[in-house]
């Protein structure tokens, strides 16, 4: 199983961190970046100076700006692209055959123009694929340093979420499963709005009481919106709801 090839599409902090985790587990990992000049920097320094400073990238990880090279015979394709670029990058993938691959979206966000979730964009462009999302309170720098972290893998197909759980699970990176894709994606996106409010609250010198009120009432609003969009209320009490919101609102 450890000869399985995994492609990480997106060389930001989170994509790089997941590449390192999976490589250390023994998988054959490729990391794709959109900008050839920055890919050269990553190759030379073996460090993502922009997005994940002071973390070494193992030499076993293939770093490339060529999609064909990254995707060649990959059984798992991890999409770690900023949400505003998801559509343009995934539209470049439509010529590839993913019938034997699992696609994992680790991107948090909603597309501005269409208000679509990331998994909806992927399915719109690639059709019916084996798809999961991975989300939760997971600041890349902490995960890369081996600080204990928990996330959740969600898929409409239980077998896929359990497979993703098995692939990513380590003793310090724990993966739970959830069938509620809508709730997990909305939790990861909507908590950012509350986090901006929490940052403003910190910036103007308001206290812990205010932040507690923001988090608590913010979670109520997110839950109401999520449920009306088809999510399960309980998801917002979990890692991708309350968990992710607490991390984002508290982290400096």
C-alpha atoms as a PDB file:
ATOM      1  CA  UNK A   1       0.000   0.000   0.000  1.00  0.00           C
ATOM      2  CA  UNK A   2       2.858   2.422   0.733  1.00  0.00           C
ATOM      3  CA  UNK A   3       3.897   2.378  -2.921  1.00  0.00           C
ATOM      4  CA  UNK A   4       0.713   4.340  -3.618  1.00  0.00           C
ATOM      5  CA  UNK A   5       1.412   7.619  -5.412  1.00  0.00           C
ATOM      6  CA  UNK A   6      -0.257  10.782  -4.117  1.00  0.00           C
ATOM      7  CA  UNK A   7      -0.340  14.138  -5.930  1.00  0.00           C
ATOM      8  CA  UNK A   8      -0.726  17.363  -3.984  1.00  0.00           C
ATOM      9  CA  UNK A   9      -1.992  20.137  -6.252  1.00  0.00           C
ATOM     10  CA  UNK A  10      -1.049  23.434  -4.616  1.00  0.00           C
ATOM     11  CA  UNK A  11       2.258  24.378  -2.990  1.00  0.00           C
ATOM     12  CA  UNK A  12       0.959  26.716  -0.271  1.00  0.00           C
ATOM     13  CA  UNK A  13       1.541  26.068   3.421  1.00  0.00           C
ATOM     14  CA  UNK A  14      -1.217  23.461   3.757  1.00  0.00           C
ATOM     15  CA  UNK A  15      -0.363  21.567   0.564  1.00  0.00           C
ATOM     16  CA  UNK A  16       3.309  21.449   1.571  1.00  0.00           C
ATOM     17  CA  UNK A  17       2.434  20.271   5.094  1.00  0.00           C
ATOM     18  CA  UNK A  18       0.240  17.437   3.808  1.00  0.00           C
ATOM     19  CA  UNK A  19       2.955  16.430   1.324  1.00  0.00           C
ATOM     20  CA  UNK A  20       5.429  16.156   4.228  1.00  0.00           C
ATOM     21  CA  UNK A  21       3.008  14.130   6.409  1.00  0.00           C
ATOM     22  CA  UNK A  22       2.222  11.677   3.605  1.00  0.00           C
ATOM     23  CA  UNK A  23       5.861  11.347   2.532  1.00  0.00           C
ATOM     24  CA  UNK A  24       6.883  10.529   6.110  1.00  0.00           C
ATOM     25  CA  UNK A  25       4.236   7.780   6.086  1.00  0.00           C
ATOM     26  CA  UNK A  26       6.048   6.212   3.138  1.00  0.00           C
ATOM     27  CA  UNK A  27       3.809   7.271   0.261  1.00  0.00           C
ATOM     28  CA  UNK A  28       5.337   8.441  -3.018  1.00  0.00           C
ATOM     29  CA  UNK A  29       4.354  12.116  -3.070  1.00  0.00           C
ATOM     30  CA  UNK A  30       4.474  14.786  -5.761  1.00  0.00           C
ATOM     31  CA  UNK A  31       3.863  18.475  -4.984  1.00  0.00           C
ATOM     32  CA  UNK A  32       2.655  20.729  -7.809  1.00  0.00           C
ATOM     33  CA  UNK A  33       3.008  24.506  -7.899  1.00  0.00           C
ATOM     34  CA  UNK A  34       1.498  26.882 -10.448  1.00  0.00           C
ATOM     35  CA  UNK A  35       4.558  29.146 -10.739  1.00  0.00           C
ATOM     36  CA  UNK A  36       7.684  27.500 -12.242  1.00  0.00           C
ATOM     37  CA  UNK A  37      10.039  30.115 -10.769  1.00  0.00           C
ATOM     38  CA  UNK A  38       8.783  29.488  -7.230  1.00  0.00           C
ATOM     39  CA  UNK A  39       8.870  25.713  -7.803  1.00  0.00           C
ATOM     40  CA  UNK A  40      12.582  26.147  -8.591  1.00  0.00           C
ATOM     41  CA  UNK A  41      13.059  27.909  -5.233  1.00  0.00           C
ATOM     42  CA  UNK A  42      11.282  25.049  -3.434  1.00  0.00           C
ATOM     43  CA  UNK A  43      13.491  22.493  -5.191  1.00  0.00           C
ATOM     44  CA  UNK A  44      16.731  24.340  -4.408  1.00  0.00           C
ATOM     45  CA  UNK A  45      16.030  25.293  -0.801  1.00  0.00           C
ATOM     46  CA  UNK A  46      13.793  22.301   0.132  1.00  0.00           C
ATOM     47  CA  UNK A  47      11.854  24.830   2.177  1.00  0.00           C
ATOM     48  CA  UNK A  48       8.645  26.739   1.463  1.00  0.00           C
ATOM     49  CA  UNK A  49      10.063  30.103   2.547  1.00  0.00           C
ATOM     50  CA  UNK A  50       6.894  32.016   1.677  1.00  0.00           C
ATOM     51  CA  UNK A  51       4.216  29.816   3.203  1.00  0.00           C
ATOM     52  CA  UNK A  52       5.914  27.342   5.572  1.00  0.00           C
ATOM     53  CA  UNK A  53       9.236  28.834   6.724  1.00  0.00           C
ATOM     54  CA  UNK A  54      11.806  26.792   8.691  1.00  0.00           C
ATOM     55  CA  UNK A  55      10.201  23.426   7.804  1.00  0.00           C
ATOM     56  CA  UNK A  56      12.348  21.033   5.743  1.00  0.00           C
ATOM     57  CA  UNK A  57      10.769  19.385   2.687  1.00  0.00           C
ATOM     58  CA  UNK A  58      12.042  15.769   2.441  1.00  0.00           C
ATOM     59  CA  UNK A  59      14.100  14.991  -0.670  1.00  0.00           C
ATOM     60  CA  UNK A  60      11.733  12.095  -1.484  1.00  0.00           C
ATOM     61  CA  UNK A  61       8.980  14.571  -2.455  1.00  0.00           C
ATOM     62  CA  UNK A  62       8.913  15.312  -6.187  1.00  0.00           C
ATOM     63  CA  UNK A  63       8.324  19.063  -6.683  1.00  0.00           C
ATOM     64  CA  UNK A  64       7.079  20.072 -10.134  1.00  0.00           C
ATOM     65  CA  UNK A  65       5.186  22.737 -12.070  1.00  0.00           C
ATOM     66  CA  UNK A  66       4.015  20.188 -14.672  1.00  0.00           C
ATOM     67  CA  UNK A  67       0.572  18.719 -14.018  1.00  0.00           C
ATOM     68  CA  UNK A  68       1.306  15.601 -16.122  1.00  0.00           C
ATOM     69  CA  UNK A  69       4.341  14.814 -13.968  1.00  0.00           C
ATOM     70  CA  UNK A  70       2.484  15.386 -10.702  1.00  0.00           C
ATOM     71  CA  UNK A  71      -0.604  13.382 -11.652  1.00  0.00           C
ATOM     72  CA  UNK A  72       1.077  10.480 -13.430  1.00  0.00           C
ATOM     73  CA  UNK A  73      -0.299   7.208 -11.924  1.00  0.00           C
ATOM     74  CA  UNK A  74      -1.503   8.984  -8.751  1.00  0.00           C
ATOM     75  CA  UNK A  75      -4.186   7.087  -6.839  1.00  0.00           C
ATOM     76  CA  UNK A  76      -5.000  10.080  -4.623  1.00  0.00           C
ATOM     77  CA  UNK A  77      -5.169  13.704  -5.815  1.00  0.00           C
ATOM     78  CA  UNK A  78      -5.232  16.319  -3.054  1.00  0.00           C
ATOM     79  CA  UNK A  79      -6.524  19.741  -4.131  1.00  0.00           C
ATOM     80  CA  UNK A  80      -4.894  22.347  -1.878  1.00  0.00           C
ATOM     81  CA  UNK A  81      -5.589  25.412  -4.004  1.00  0.00           C
ATOM     82  CA  UNK A  82      -6.860  28.774  -2.667  1.00  0.00           C
ATOM     83  CA  UNK A  83     -10.634  28.831  -3.190  1.00  0.00           C
ATOM     84  CA  UNK A  84     -10.527  31.726  -5.675  1.00  0.00           C
ATOM     85  CA  UNK A  85      -8.294  29.644  -8.000  1.00  0.00           C
ATOM     86  CA  UNK A  86     -10.059  26.292  -7.583  1.00  0.00           C
ATOM     87  CA  UNK A  87     -12.125  26.621 -10.757  1.00  0.00           C
ATOM     88  CA  UNK A  88      -9.234  27.685 -13.022  1.00  0.00           C
ATOM     89  CA  UNK A  89      -6.886  24.932 -11.762  1.00  0.00           C
ATOM     90  CA  UNK A  90      -9.494  22.137 -11.818  1.00  0.00           C
ATOM     91  CA  UNK A  91     -10.563  23.105 -15.345  1.00  0.00           C
ATOM     92  CA  UNK A  92      -6.995  22.214 -16.376  1.00  0.00           C
ATOM     93  CA  UNK A  93      -7.540  18.690 -15.024  1.00  0.00           C
ATOM     94  CA  UNK A  94     -10.476  17.715 -17.240  1.00  0.00           C
ATOM     95  CA  UNK A  95      -8.262  15.857 -19.714  1.00  0.00           C
ATOM     96  CA  UNK A  96      -7.000  13.437 -17.051  1.00  0.00           C
ATOM     97  CA  UNK A  97      -8.596  10.113 -16.116  1.00  0.00           C
ATOM     98  CA  UNK A  98      -9.608   9.999 -12.432  1.00  0.00           C
ATOM     99  CA  UNK A  99     -11.744   6.846 -12.636  1.00  0.00           C
ATOM    100  CA  UNK A 100      -9.318   4.963 -10.354  1.00  0.00           C
ATOM    101  CA  UNK A 101      -8.370   7.913  -8.147  1.00  0.00           C
ATOM    102  CA  UNK A 102      -9.762   9.524  -5.008  1.00  0.00           C
ATOM    103  CA  UNK A 103      -9.907  13.322  -5.114  1.00  0.00           C
ATOM    104  CA  UNK A 104      -9.569  15.073  -1.749  1.00  0.00           C
ATOM    105  CA  UNK A 105     -10.383  18.767  -1.417  1.00  0.00           C
ATOM    106  CA  UNK A 106      -8.595  20.420   1.516  1.00  0.00           C
ATOM    107  CA  UNK A 107      -9.616  23.954   0.488  1.00  0.00           C
ATOM    108  CA  UNK A 108     -11.834  26.084   2.724  1.00  0.00           C
ATOM    109  CA  UNK A 109     -14.050  28.639   1.046  1.00  0.00           C
ATOM    110  CA  UNK A 110     -17.046  29.511  -1.109  1.00  0.00           C
ATOM    111  CA  UNK A 111     -16.719  30.677  -4.709  1.00  0.00           C
ATOM    112  CA  UNK A 112     -17.602  34.382  -4.827  1.00  0.00           C
ATOM    113  CA  UNK A 113     -19.462  34.480  -8.129  1.00  0.00           C
ATOM    114  CA  UNK A 114     -21.508  31.274  -7.857  1.00  0.00           C
ATOM    115  CA  UNK A 115     -21.610  30.738  -4.055  1.00  0.00           C
ATOM    116  CA  UNK A 116     -20.658  27.107  -4.732  1.00  0.00           C
ATOM    117  CA  UNK A 117     -18.769  24.920  -2.270  1.00  0.00           C
ATOM    118  CA  UNK A 118     -15.417  23.535  -3.456  1.00  0.00           C
ATOM    119  CA  UNK A 119     -16.753  19.995  -3.959  1.00  0.00           C
ATOM    120  CA  UNK A 120     -19.561  21.397  -6.129  1.00  0.00           C
ATOM    121  CA  UNK A 121     -17.018  23.137  -8.398  1.00  0.00           C
ATOM    122  CA  UNK A 122     -14.981  19.909  -8.653  1.00  0.00           C
ATOM    123  CA  UNK A 123     -18.039  17.827  -9.587  1.00  0.00           C
ATOM    124  CA  UNK A 124     -19.254  20.464 -12.033  1.00  0.00           C
ATOM    125  CA  UNK A 125     -15.929  20.362 -13.895  1.00  0.00           C
ATOM    126  CA  UNK A 126     -14.851  16.715 -13.516  1.00  0.00           C
ATOM    127  CA  UNK A 127     -18.208  14.951 -13.317  1.00  0.00           C
ATOM    128  CA  UNK A 128     -18.829  12.066 -10.941  1.00  0.00           C
ATOM    129  CA  UNK A 129     -15.523  11.315  -9.221  1.00  0.00           C
ATOM    130  CA  UNK A 130     -14.609   9.590  -5.956  1.00  0.00           C
ATOM    131  CA  UNK A 131     -14.570  12.705  -3.814  1.00  0.00           C
ATOM    132  CA  UNK A 132     -13.873  13.591  -0.183  1.00  0.00           C
ATOM    133  CA  UNK A 133     -13.201  16.793   1.730  1.00  0.00           C
ATOM    134  CA  UNK A 134     -10.731  17.127   4.603  1.00  0.00           C
ATOM    135  CA  UNK A 135     -11.265  20.003   7.025  1.00  0.00           C
ATOM    136  CA  UNK A 136     -10.960  21.038  10.649  1.00  0.00           C
ATOM    137  CA  UNK A 137      -8.840  23.087  13.072  1.00  0.00           C
ATOM    138  CA  UNK A 138      -5.493  22.630  11.365  1.00  0.00           C
ATOM    139  CA  UNK A 139      -3.046  25.540  11.189  1.00  0.00           C
ATOM    140  CA  UNK A 140      -0.371  24.318   8.759  1.00  0.00           C
ATOM    141  CA  UNK A 141       2.678  25.490  10.725  1.00  0.00           C
ATOM    142  CA  UNK A 142       1.522  23.585  13.838  1.00  0.00           C
ATOM    143  CA  UNK A 143       0.736  20.406  11.898  1.00  0.00           C
ATOM    144  CA  UNK A 144       4.135  20.572  10.159  1.00  0.00           C
ATOM    145  CA  UNK A 145       5.830  20.841  13.571  1.00  0.00           C
ATOM    146  CA  UNK A 146       4.069  17.680  14.742  1.00  0.00           C
ATOM    147  CA  UNK A 147       1.677  19.390  17.173  1.00  0.00           C
ATOM    148  CA  UNK A 148      -1.313  17.071  17.811  1.00  0.00           C
ATOM    149  CA  UNK A 149      -4.188  17.971  15.486  1.00  0.00           C
ATOM    150  CA  UNK A 150      -7.601  16.512  14.641  1.00  0.00           C
ATOM    151  CA  UNK A 151      -9.480  16.902  11.350  1.00  0.00           C
ATOM    152  CA  UNK A 152     -12.497  15.340   9.681  1.00  0.00           C
ATOM    153  CA  UNK A 153     -12.819  13.533   6.337  1.00  0.00           C
ATOM    154  CA  UNK A 154     -16.264  13.806   4.775  1.00  0.00           C
ATOM    155  CA  UNK A 155     -17.714  12.033   1.763  1.00  0.00           C
ATOM    156  CA  UNK A 156     -21.165  11.014   0.564  1.00  0.00           C
ATOM    157  CA  UNK A 157     -19.613   7.532   0.218  1.00  0.00           C
ATOM    158  CA  UNK A 158     -18.607   6.119   3.597  1.00  0.00           C
ATOM    159  CA  UNK A 159     -15.954   3.851   2.056  1.00  0.00           C
ATOM    160  CA  UNK A 160     -14.158   6.863   0.584  1.00  0.00           C
ATOM    161  CA  UNK A 161     -14.113   8.815   3.866  1.00  0.00           C
ATOM    162  CA  UNK A 162     -12.700   5.767   5.667  1.00  0.00           C
ATOM    163  CA  UNK A 163     -10.050   5.305   2.970  1.00  0.00           C
ATOM    164  CA  UNK A 164      -9.030   8.976   3.290  1.00  0.00           C
ATOM    165  CA  UNK A 165      -8.949   8.553   7.067  1.00  0.00           C
ATOM    166  CA  UNK A 166      -6.587   5.594   6.715  1.00  0.00           C
ATOM    167  CA  UNK A 167      -4.297   7.385   4.248  1.00  0.00           C
ATOM    168  CA  UNK A 168      -3.844  10.573   6.292  1.00  0.00           C
ATOM    169  CA  UNK A 169      -3.980   9.214   9.855  1.00  0.00           C
ATOM    170  CA  UNK A 170      -0.816   9.444  11.992  1.00  0.00           C
ATOM    171  CA  UNK A 171      -0.231   9.336  15.739  1.00  0.00           C
ATOM    172  CA  UNK A 172      -0.296  13.168  15.793  1.00  0.00           C
ATOM    173  CA  UNK A 173      -2.722  13.873  12.964  1.00  0.00           C
ATOM    174  CA  UNK A 174      -6.029  12.231  13.856  1.00  0.00           C
ATOM    175  CA  UNK A 175      -8.756  11.930  11.239  1.00  0.00           C
ATOM    176  CA  UNK A 176     -12.444  11.430  12.057  1.00  0.00           C
ATOM    177  CA  UNK A 177     -15.144  10.725   9.454  1.00  0.00           C
ATOM    178  CA  UNK A 178     -18.500  12.350   8.746  1.00  0.00           C
ATOM    179  CA  UNK A 179     -21.067  11.763   5.962  1.00  0.00           C
ATOM    180  CA  UNK A 180     -22.104  15.456   5.995  1.00  0.00           C
ATOM    181  CA  UNK A 181     -20.042  17.000   3.186  1.00  0.00           C
ATOM    182  CA  UNK A 182     -22.181  20.157   3.071  1.00  0.00           C
ATOM    183  CA  UNK A 183     -21.776  20.858   6.803  1.00  0.00           C
ATOM    184  CA  UNK A 184     -18.046  20.145   6.856  1.00  0.00           C
ATOM    185  CA  UNK A 185     -17.407  22.474   3.896  1.00  0.00           C
ATOM    186  CA  UNK A 186     -19.655  25.242   5.212  1.00  0.00           C
ATOM    187  CA  UNK A 187     -18.096  25.075   8.685  1.00  0.00           C
ATOM    188  CA  UNK A 188     -14.615  25.540   7.210  1.00  0.00           C
ATOM    189  CA  UNK A 189     -15.693  28.518   5.097  1.00  0.00           C
ATOM    190  CA  UNK A 190     -18.163  30.410   7.271  1.00  0.00           C
ATOM    191  CA  UNK A 191     -16.041  30.450  10.430  1.00  0.00           C
ATOM    192  CA  UNK A 192     -13.688  32.871   8.668  1.00  0.00           C
ATOM    193  CA  UNK A 193     -16.368  35.581   8.790  1.00  0.00           C
ATOM    194  CA  UNK A 194     -16.646  35.229  12.569  1.00  0.00           C
ATOM    195  CA  UNK A 195     -12.836  35.152  12.818  1.00  0.00           C
ATOM    196  CA  UNK A 196     -12.598  38.506  11.011  1.00  0.00           C
ATOM    197  CA  UNK A 197     -15.035  39.934  13.574  1.00  0.00           C
ATOM    198  CA  UNK A 198     -12.930  38.408  16.387  1.00  0.00           C
ATOM    199  CA  UNK A 199      -9.815  40.048  14.911  1.00  0.00           C
ATOM    200  CA  UNK A 200     -11.564  43.421  14.783  1.00  0.00           C
ATOM    201  CA  UNK A 201     -12.645  42.888  18.395  1.00  0.00           C
ATOM    202  CA  UNK A 202      -9.019  42.225  19.413  1.00  0.00           C
ATOM    203  CA  UNK A 203      -7.797  45.183  17.355  1.00  0.00           C
ATOM    204  CA  UNK A 204     -10.054  47.728  19.063  1.00  0.00           C
ATOM    205  CA  UNK A 205      -9.174  46.355  22.486  1.00  0.00           C
ATOM    206  CA  UNK A 206     -12.367  44.563  23.460  1.00  0.00           C
ATOM    207  CA  UNK A 207     -12.110  41.695  25.926  1.00  0.00           C
ATOM    208  CA  UNK A 208     -12.587  37.985  26.359  1.00  0.00           C
ATOM    209  CA  UNK A 209     -16.302  38.420  27.128  1.00  0.00           C
ATOM    210  CA  UNK A 210     -16.826  40.024  23.728  1.00  0.00           C
ATOM    211  CA  UNK A 211     -14.922  37.280  21.931  1.00  0.00           C
ATOM    212  CA  UNK A 212     -16.909  34.592  23.766  1.00  0.00           C
ATOM    213  CA  UNK A 213     -20.141  36.296  22.696  1.00  0.00           C
ATOM    214  CA  UNK A 214     -18.938  36.531  19.080  1.00  0.00           C
ATOM    215  CA  UNK A 215     -17.932  32.869  18.953  1.00  0.00           C
ATOM    216  CA  UNK A 216     -21.092  31.588  20.613  1.00  0.00           C
ATOM    217  CA  UNK A 217     -23.595  33.662  18.683  1.00  0.00           C
ATOM    218  CA  UNK A 218     -21.510  33.303  15.510  1.00  0.00           C
ATOM    219  CA  UNK A 219     -21.760  29.534  15.776  1.00  0.00           C
ATOM    220  CA  UNK A 220     -25.550  29.813  16.149  1.00  0.00           C
ATOM    221  CA  UNK A 221     -25.761  31.876  12.946  1.00  0.00           C
ATOM    222  CA  UNK A 222     -23.472  29.527  11.008  1.00  0.00           C
ATOM    223  CA  UNK A 223     -25.519  26.545  12.175  1.00  0.00           C
ATOM    224  CA  UNK A 224     -28.836  28.121  11.135  1.00  0.00           C
ATOM    225  CA  UNK A 225     -27.488  29.012   7.702  1.00  0.00           C
ATOM    226  CA  UNK A 226     -25.885  25.576   7.294  1.00  0.00           C
ATOM    227  CA  UNK A 227     -29.044  23.683   8.234  1.00  0.00           C
ATOM    228  CA  UNK A 228     -31.084  25.755   5.765  1.00  0.00           C
ATOM    229  CA  UNK A 229     -28.526  24.781   3.086  1.00  0.00           C
ATOM    230  CA  UNK A 230     -28.946  21.068   3.806  1.00  0.00           C
ATOM    231  CA  UNK A 231     -26.279  20.405   6.445  1.00  0.00           C
ATOM    232  CA  UNK A 232     -26.677  18.383   9.654  1.00  0.00           C
ATOM    233  CA  UNK A 233     -26.902  20.600  12.757  1.00  0.00           C
ATOM    234  CA  UNK A 234     -24.551  18.294  14.711  1.00  0.00           C
ATOM    235  CA  UNK A 235     -21.688  18.897  12.276  1.00  0.00           C
ATOM    236  CA  UNK A 236     -21.339  22.475  13.549  1.00  0.00           C
ATOM    237  CA  UNK A 237     -20.778  21.209  17.102  1.00  0.00           C
ATOM    238  CA  UNK A 238     -17.795  19.210  15.835  1.00  0.00           C
ATOM    239  CA  UNK A 239     -14.272  19.729  14.500  1.00  0.00           C
ATOM    240  CA  UNK A 240     -15.168  21.517  11.266  1.00  0.00           C
ATOM    241  CA  UNK A 241     -17.648  23.805  13.048  1.00  0.00           C
ATOM    242  CA  UNK A 242     -16.867  24.862  16.594  1.00  0.00           C
ATOM    243  CA  UNK A 243     -13.363  23.342  16.471  1.00  0.00           C
ATOM    244  CA  UNK A 244     -12.228  25.235  13.388  1.00  0.00           C
ATOM    245  CA  UNK A 245     -13.885  28.453  14.549  1.00  0.00           C
ATOM    246  CA  UNK A 246     -12.140  28.387  17.927  1.00  0.00           C
ATOM    247  CA  UNK A 247      -8.737  27.838  16.274  1.00  0.00           C
ATOM    248  CA  UNK A 248      -9.207  30.647  13.755  1.00  0.00           C
ATOM    249  CA  UNK A 249     -10.600  33.123  16.289  1.00  0.00           C
ATOM    250  CA  UNK A 250      -7.884  32.474  18.898  1.00  0.00           C
ATOM    251  CA  UNK A 251      -4.730  32.000  16.813  1.00  0.00           C
ATOM    252  CA  UNK A 252      -2.634  35.180  16.575  1.00  0.00           C
END
